Amino acid sequence: MAERTILVVDDEVDVLEMIETGLRAAGYRIYLADSGERAIELFERHPADLVICDIRMPGMDGITVITRLREHDPDLPVVVLTGHLTDNTVEQCDQLGGINVLGKPFLFRELSKAVQVGLRRR
């Protein structure tokens, strides 16, 4: 099986680095974006099999990023990370479908399981 590619989008550098370290060790190819705009640029050049995306970021928020990425790939599996888990966030993610939501802070094993589930749907 070919190496699976994951795009990680978060404005917190320490979160990006932690996720990158863990997922690279698990054998995934990882692309990192510290903004929604950068995520879209990267995805257009390097389509990913799955996206991990923060919701609250300066500039373009995560819901907008996911919506834009799904214009390129309607079945793109997504894991949402948020430190501000609200009913509204959950509702927005439910409307987009195919999204697993994890609250911050999260355990890496929870993220790893969410990634595996998302990639199995692919």
N, C-alpha and C. Protein backbone atom coordinates (compact mmCIF):
# COMPACT_ATOMS: atom_id res chain seq x y z
N MET A 1 0.84 -1.19 0.00
CA MET A 1 0.00 0.00 0.00
C MET A 1 0.89 1.24 0.00
N ALA A 2 0.54 2.22 -0.81
CA ALA A 2 1.31 3.46 -0.89
C ALA A 2 1.21 4.24 0.42
N GLU A 3 2.23 5.04 0.66
CA GLU A 3 2.26 5.88 1.84
C GLU A 3 1.08 6.85 1.81
N ARG A 4 0.34 6.92 2.89
CA ARG A 4 -0.81 7.82 2.96
C ARG A 4 -0.35 9.21 3.37
N THR A 5 -1.00 10.22 2.81
CA THR A 5 -0.61 11.61 3.03
C THR A 5 -1.66 12.31 3.89
N ILE A 6 -1.16 13.06 4.89
CA ILE A 6 -2.04 13.79 5.79
C ILE A 6 -1.61 15.25 5.82
N LEU A 7 -2.58 16.13 5.67
CA LEU A 7 -2.35 17.57 5.80
C LEU A 7 -2.84 17.99 7.18
N VAL A 8 -1.96 18.63 7.95
CA VAL A 8 -2.30 19.08 9.29
C VAL A 8 -2.34 20.61 9.28
N VAL A 9 -3.47 21.16 9.74
CA VAL A 9 -3.69 22.61 9.71
C VAL A 9 -3.97 23.10 11.13
N ASP A 10 -3.07 23.92 11.66
CA ASP A 10 -3.25 24.47 13.01
C ASP A 10 -2.35 25.68 13.14
N ASP A 11 -2.81 26.73 13.81
CA ASP A 11 -1.99 27.92 13.98
C ASP A 11 -1.03 27.80 15.16
N GLU A 12 -1.12 26.71 15.91
CA GLU A 12 -0.22 26.49 17.05
C GLU A 12 0.93 25.58 16.61
N VAL A 13 2.15 26.15 16.57
CA VAL A 13 3.32 25.41 16.08
C VAL A 13 3.58 24.16 16.91
N ASP A 14 3.41 24.24 18.24
CA ASP A 14 3.68 23.06 19.08
C ASP A 14 2.71 21.92 18.76
N VAL A 15 1.48 22.25 18.43
CA VAL A 15 0.51 21.21 18.04
C VAL A 15 0.93 20.58 16.72
N LEU A 16 1.31 21.42 15.75
CA LEU A 16 1.77 20.90 14.46
C LEU A 16 2.95 19.95 14.64
N GLU A 17 3.92 20.36 15.44
CA GLU A 17 5.13 19.55 15.64
C GLU A 17 4.82 18.23 16.33
N MET A 18 3.96 18.26 17.34
CA MET A 18 3.60 17.03 18.05
C MET A 18 2.90 16.05 17.12
N ILE A 19 1.95 16.55 16.34
CA ILE A 19 1.22 15.68 15.42
C ILE A 19 2.17 15.15 14.34
N GLU A 20 3.01 16.02 13.81
CA GLU A 20 3.96 15.60 12.78
C GLU A 20 4.86 14.48 13.29
N THR A 21 5.42 14.65 14.48
CA THR A 21 6.32 13.65 15.05
C THR A 21 5.63 12.30 15.19
N GLY A 22 4.44 12.30 15.76
CA GLY A 22 3.72 11.05 15.98
C GLY A 22 3.28 10.37 14.70
N LEU A 23 2.75 11.12 13.77
CA LEU A 23 2.24 10.51 12.54
C LEU A 23 3.35 10.10 11.58
N ARG A 24 4.45 10.85 11.55
CA ARG A 24 5.60 10.41 10.73
C ARG A 24 6.14 9.09 11.26
N ALA A 25 6.21 8.97 12.58
CA ALA A 25 6.69 7.72 13.19
C ALA A 25 5.77 6.56 12.85
N ALA A 26 4.49 6.84 12.60
CA ALA A 26 3.52 5.81 12.22
C ALA A 26 3.56 5.51 10.71
N GLY A 27 4.41 6.23 9.96
CA GLY A 27 4.60 5.93 8.56
C GLY A 27 3.83 6.78 7.57
N TYR A 28 3.24 7.87 8.03
CA TYR A 28 2.50 8.75 7.13
C TYR A 28 3.40 9.85 6.57
N ARG A 29 3.07 10.31 5.36
CA ARG A 29 3.69 11.52 4.81
C ARG A 29 2.87 12.68 5.32
N ILE A 30 3.53 13.69 5.87
CA ILE A 30 2.84 14.79 6.53
C ILE A 30 3.18 16.12 5.86
N TYR A 31 2.16 16.93 5.64
CA TYR A 31 2.33 18.32 5.23
C TYR A 31 1.72 19.18 6.32
N LEU A 32 2.40 20.28 6.67
CA LEU A 32 1.96 21.16 7.74
C LEU A 32 1.59 22.53 7.20
N ALA A 33 0.49 23.07 7.70
CA ALA A 33 0.06 24.42 7.34
C ALA A 33 -0.32 25.16 8.61
N ASP A 34 0.21 26.38 8.77
CA ASP A 34 -0.09 27.17 9.96
C ASP A 34 -1.22 28.16 9.74
N SER A 35 -1.90 28.05 8.59
CA SER A 35 -3.06 28.90 8.31
C SER A 35 -3.95 28.21 7.28
N GLY A 36 -5.19 28.67 7.21
CA GLY A 36 -6.11 28.12 6.22
C GLY A 36 -5.66 28.38 4.80
N GLU A 37 -5.16 29.58 4.57
CA GLU A 37 -4.69 29.94 3.23
C GLU A 37 -3.56 29.01 2.79
N ARG A 38 -2.62 28.78 3.69
CA ARG A 38 -1.48 27.90 3.39
C ARG A 38 -1.98 26.47 3.15
N ALA A 39 -2.97 26.03 3.90
CA ALA A 39 -3.51 24.67 3.73
C ALA A 39 -4.05 24.48 2.32
N ILE A 40 -4.78 25.46 1.83
CA ILE A 40 -5.36 25.34 0.49
C ILE A 40 -4.26 25.32 -0.57
N GLU A 41 -3.25 26.18 -0.42
CA GLU A 41 -2.11 26.17 -1.35
C GLU A 41 -1.44 24.80 -1.37
N LEU A 42 -1.16 24.26 -0.19
CA LEU A 42 -0.50 22.95 -0.10
C LEU A 42 -1.35 21.85 -0.71
N PHE A 43 -2.64 21.85 -0.40
CA PHE A 43 -3.54 20.80 -0.88
C PHE A 43 -3.62 20.80 -2.40
N GLU A 44 -3.59 21.98 -3.00
CA GLU A 44 -3.65 22.07 -4.46
C GLU A 44 -2.40 21.46 -5.10
N ARG A 45 -1.26 21.55 -4.42
CA ARG A 45 -0.01 20.97 -4.95
C ARG A 45 0.20 19.53 -4.51
N HIS A 46 -0.28 19.20 -3.31
CA HIS A 46 -0.06 17.87 -2.72
C HIS A 46 -1.37 17.37 -2.12
N PRO A 47 -2.29 16.86 -2.94
CA PRO A 47 -3.57 16.37 -2.39
C PRO A 47 -3.33 15.34 -1.28
N ALA A 48 -4.09 15.48 -0.21
CA ALA A 48 -3.93 14.60 0.94
C ALA A 48 -5.05 13.56 0.97
N ASP A 49 -4.76 12.45 1.66
CA ASP A 49 -5.76 11.40 1.87
C ASP A 49 -6.68 11.73 3.04
N LEU A 50 -6.20 12.63 3.93
CA LEU A 50 -6.95 13.00 5.13
C LEU A 50 -6.43 14.35 5.59
N VAL A 51 -7.30 15.15 6.20
CA VAL A 51 -6.90 16.44 6.75
C VAL A 51 -7.24 16.48 8.23
N ILE A 52 -6.29 16.98 9.01
CA ILE A 52 -6.50 17.27 10.43
C ILE A 52 -6.51 18.79 10.52
N CYS A 53 -7.60 19.36 11.04
CA CYS A 53 -7.75 20.82 10.96
C CYS A 53 -8.29 21.41 12.25
N ASP A 54 -7.63 22.45 12.72
CA ASP A 54 -8.14 23.24 13.84
C ASP A 54 -9.33 24.05 13.34
N ILE A 55 -10.22 24.43 14.23
CA ILE A 55 -11.39 25.23 13.85
C ILE A 55 -11.12 26.72 13.99
N ARG A 56 -10.59 27.12 15.14
CA ARG A 56 -10.39 28.55 15.39
C ARG A 56 -8.95 28.93 15.07
N MET A 57 -8.80 29.68 13.97
CA MET A 57 -7.49 30.17 13.55
C MET A 57 -7.66 31.59 13.06
N PRO A 58 -6.61 32.40 13.15
CA PRO A 58 -6.69 33.75 12.58
C PRO A 58 -6.92 33.66 11.07
N GLY A 59 -7.61 34.62 10.51
CA GLY A 59 -7.88 34.59 9.08
C GLY A 59 -8.99 33.60 8.78
N MET A 60 -8.70 32.64 7.93
CA MET A 60 -9.69 31.65 7.50
C MET A 60 -9.91 30.60 8.60
N ASP A 61 -11.15 30.41 9.02
CA ASP A 61 -11.42 29.40 10.06
C ASP A 61 -11.47 27.99 9.46
N GLY A 62 -11.45 27.00 10.33
CA GLY A 62 -11.40 25.61 9.90
C GLY A 62 -12.58 25.16 9.06
N ILE A 63 -13.78 25.63 9.38
CA ILE A 63 -14.96 25.24 8.60
C ILE A 63 -14.82 25.71 7.16
N THR A 64 -14.32 26.93 6.97
CA THR A 64 -14.09 27.45 5.63
C THR A 64 -13.02 26.64 4.91
N VAL A 65 -11.95 26.31 5.63
CA VAL A 65 -10.86 25.51 5.03
C VAL A 65 -11.41 24.17 4.55
N ILE A 66 -12.15 23.48 5.40
CA ILE A 66 -12.71 22.16 5.05
C ILE A 66 -13.63 22.28 3.83
N THR A 67 -14.49 23.29 3.84
CA THR A 67 -15.41 23.50 2.73
C THR A 67 -14.64 23.71 1.43
N ARG A 68 -13.60 24.53 1.48
CA ARG A 68 -12.80 24.80 0.27
C ARG A 68 -12.05 23.56 -0.20
N LEU A 69 -11.48 22.80 0.74
CA LEU A 69 -10.75 21.58 0.35
C LEU A 69 -11.69 20.55 -0.26
N ARG A 70 -12.90 20.50 0.25
CA ARG A 70 -13.86 19.53 -0.30
C ARG A 70 -14.39 19.93 -1.67
N GLU A 71 -14.14 21.16 -2.10
CA GLU A 71 -14.43 21.53 -3.48
C GLU A 71 -13.51 20.75 -4.42
N HIS A 72 -12.29 20.43 -3.93
CA HIS A 72 -11.32 19.65 -4.71
C HIS A 72 -11.55 18.15 -4.54
N ASP A 73 -11.98 17.75 -3.35
CA ASP A 73 -12.15 16.34 -3.02
C ASP A 73 -13.37 16.18 -2.11
N PRO A 74 -14.56 15.97 -2.69
CA PRO A 74 -15.80 15.93 -1.89
C PRO A 74 -15.83 14.86 -0.80
N ASP A 75 -15.06 13.79 -0.95
CA ASP A 75 -15.09 12.70 0.03
C ASP A 75 -13.93 12.76 1.02
N LEU A 76 -13.23 13.87 1.07
CA LEU A 76 -12.05 14.01 1.92
C LEU A 76 -12.40 13.78 3.39
N PRO A 77 -11.77 12.78 4.03
CA PRO A 77 -12.01 12.59 5.47
C PRO A 77 -11.27 13.67 6.27
N VAL A 78 -11.90 14.11 7.35
CA VAL A 78 -11.36 15.20 8.16
C VAL A 78 -11.45 14.85 9.63
N VAL A 79 -10.38 15.19 10.36
CA VAL A 79 -10.40 15.16 11.82
C VAL A 79 -10.28 16.62 12.26
N VAL A 80 -11.27 17.08 13.01
CA VAL A 80 -11.27 18.45 13.51
C VAL A 80 -10.73 18.46 14.93
N LEU A 81 -9.84 19.42 15.18
CA LEU A 81 -9.31 19.65 16.52
C LEU A 81 -9.81 21.00 16.98
N THR A 82 -10.28 21.08 18.21
CA THR A 82 -10.72 22.38 18.71
C THR A 82 -10.60 22.46 20.23
N GLY A 83 -10.12 23.60 20.66
CA GLY A 83 -10.09 23.89 22.09
C GLY A 83 -11.36 24.57 22.55
N HIS A 84 -12.27 24.79 21.60
CA HIS A 84 -13.52 25.51 21.87
C HIS A 84 -14.69 24.68 21.35
N LEU A 85 -14.89 23.54 21.96
CA LEU A 85 -15.93 22.62 21.50
C LEU A 85 -17.29 23.14 21.96
N THR A 86 -18.08 23.58 21.00
CA THR A 86 -19.42 24.10 21.30
C THR A 86 -20.43 23.29 20.49
N ASP A 87 -21.70 23.44 20.86
CA ASP A 87 -22.76 22.78 20.09
C ASP A 87 -22.76 23.26 18.65
N ASN A 88 -22.47 24.54 18.45
CA ASN A 88 -22.43 25.11 17.11
C ASN A 88 -21.33 24.44 16.26
N THR A 89 -20.16 24.25 16.87
CA THR A 89 -19.04 23.59 16.16
C THR A 89 -19.43 22.18 15.76
N VAL A 90 -20.00 21.45 16.69
CA VAL A 90 -20.41 20.07 16.41
C VAL A 90 -21.47 20.05 15.31
N GLU A 91 -22.42 20.98 15.37
CA GLU A 91 -23.48 21.05 14.36
C GLU A 91 -22.89 21.36 12.98
N GLN A 92 -21.97 22.31 12.91
CA GLN A 92 -21.34 22.65 11.62
C GLN A 92 -20.60 21.44 11.05
N CYS A 93 -19.89 20.72 11.89
CA CYS A 93 -19.15 19.54 11.45
C CYS A 93 -20.11 18.44 11.00
N ASP A 94 -21.20 18.25 11.72
CA ASP A 94 -22.21 17.26 11.34
C ASP A 94 -22.78 17.58 9.96
N GLN A 95 -23.03 18.86 9.69
CA GLN A 95 -23.58 19.26 8.40
C GLN A 95 -22.61 18.96 7.26
N LEU A 96 -21.32 19.09 7.52
CA LEU A 96 -20.32 18.79 6.48
C LEU A 96 -20.16 17.29 6.28
N GLY A 97 -20.40 16.50 7.32
CA GLY A 97 -20.33 15.05 7.23
C GLY A 97 -18.90 14.52 7.13
N GLY A 98 -18.70 13.28 7.56
CA GLY A 98 -17.40 12.63 7.46
C GLY A 98 -16.31 13.26 8.30
N ILE A 99 -16.71 13.87 9.41
CA ILE A 99 -15.74 14.57 10.26
C ILE A 99 -15.77 13.98 11.66
N ASN A 100 -14.59 13.69 12.17
CA ASN A 100 -14.43 13.24 13.54
C ASN A 100 -13.91 14.44 14.34
N VAL A 101 -14.57 14.81 15.43
CA VAL A 101 -14.21 15.99 16.21
C VAL A 101 -13.52 15.57 17.50
N LEU A 102 -12.32 16.14 17.74
CA LEU A 102 -11.59 15.91 18.98
C LEU A 102 -11.38 17.25 19.68
N GLY A 103 -11.66 17.28 20.98
CA GLY A 103 -11.40 18.48 21.76
C GLY A 103 -9.94 18.55 22.16
N LYS A 104 -9.41 19.77 22.25
CA LYS A 104 -8.05 19.98 22.75
C LYS A 104 -8.16 20.22 24.24
N PRO A 105 -7.26 19.73 25.04
CA PRO A 105 -6.16 18.85 24.66
C PRO A 105 -6.68 17.45 24.36
N PHE A 106 -5.93 16.72 23.56
CA PHE A 106 -6.32 15.36 23.19
C PHE A 106 -5.12 14.45 23.41
N LEU A 107 -5.41 13.17 23.54
CA LEU A 107 -4.34 12.18 23.63
C LEU A 107 -3.95 11.77 22.21
N PHE A 108 -2.66 11.58 21.97
CA PHE A 108 -2.23 11.22 20.62
C PHE A 108 -2.89 9.93 20.16
N ARG A 109 -3.12 8.98 21.06
CA ARG A 109 -3.74 7.71 20.64
C ARG A 109 -5.17 7.95 20.13
N GLU A 110 -5.88 8.97 20.69
CA GLU A 110 -7.21 9.32 20.19
C GLU A 110 -7.11 9.85 18.76
N LEU A 111 -6.12 10.70 18.52
CA LEU A 111 -5.93 11.25 17.18
C LEU A 111 -5.54 10.14 16.21
N SER A 112 -4.65 9.27 16.62
CA SER A 112 -4.21 8.17 15.77
C SER A 112 -5.39 7.28 15.37
N LYS A 113 -6.26 6.99 16.33
CA LYS A 113 -7.44 6.17 16.03
C LYS A 113 -8.38 6.89 15.05
N ALA A 114 -8.59 8.20 15.26
CA ALA A 114 -9.44 8.98 14.37
C ALA A 114 -8.87 9.00 12.95
N VAL A 115 -7.55 9.08 12.82
CA VAL A 115 -6.90 9.05 11.52
C VAL A 115 -7.13 7.70 10.85
N GLN A 116 -6.93 6.63 11.60
CA GLN A 116 -7.13 5.28 11.03
C GLN A 116 -8.57 5.09 10.56
N VAL A 117 -9.53 5.54 11.35
CA VAL A 117 -10.95 5.41 10.97
C VAL A 117 -11.22 6.23 9.71
N GLY A 118 -10.72 7.45 9.66
CA GLY A 118 -10.93 8.29 8.49
C GLY A 118 -10.33 7.70 7.23
N LEU A 119 -9.14 7.15 7.33
CA LEU A 119 -8.48 6.57 6.16
C LEU A 119 -9.17 5.28 5.72
N ARG A 120 -9.77 4.55 6.64
CA ARG A 120 -10.51 3.33 6.25
C ARG A 120 -11.73 3.68 5.41
N ARG A 121 -12.32 4.86 5.67
CA ARG A 121 -13.49 5.30 4.91
C ARG A 121 -13.12 5.67 3.48
N ARG A 122 -11.86 5.92 3.26
CA ARG A 122 -11.35 6.42 1.97
C ARG A 122 -11.52 5.39 0.91
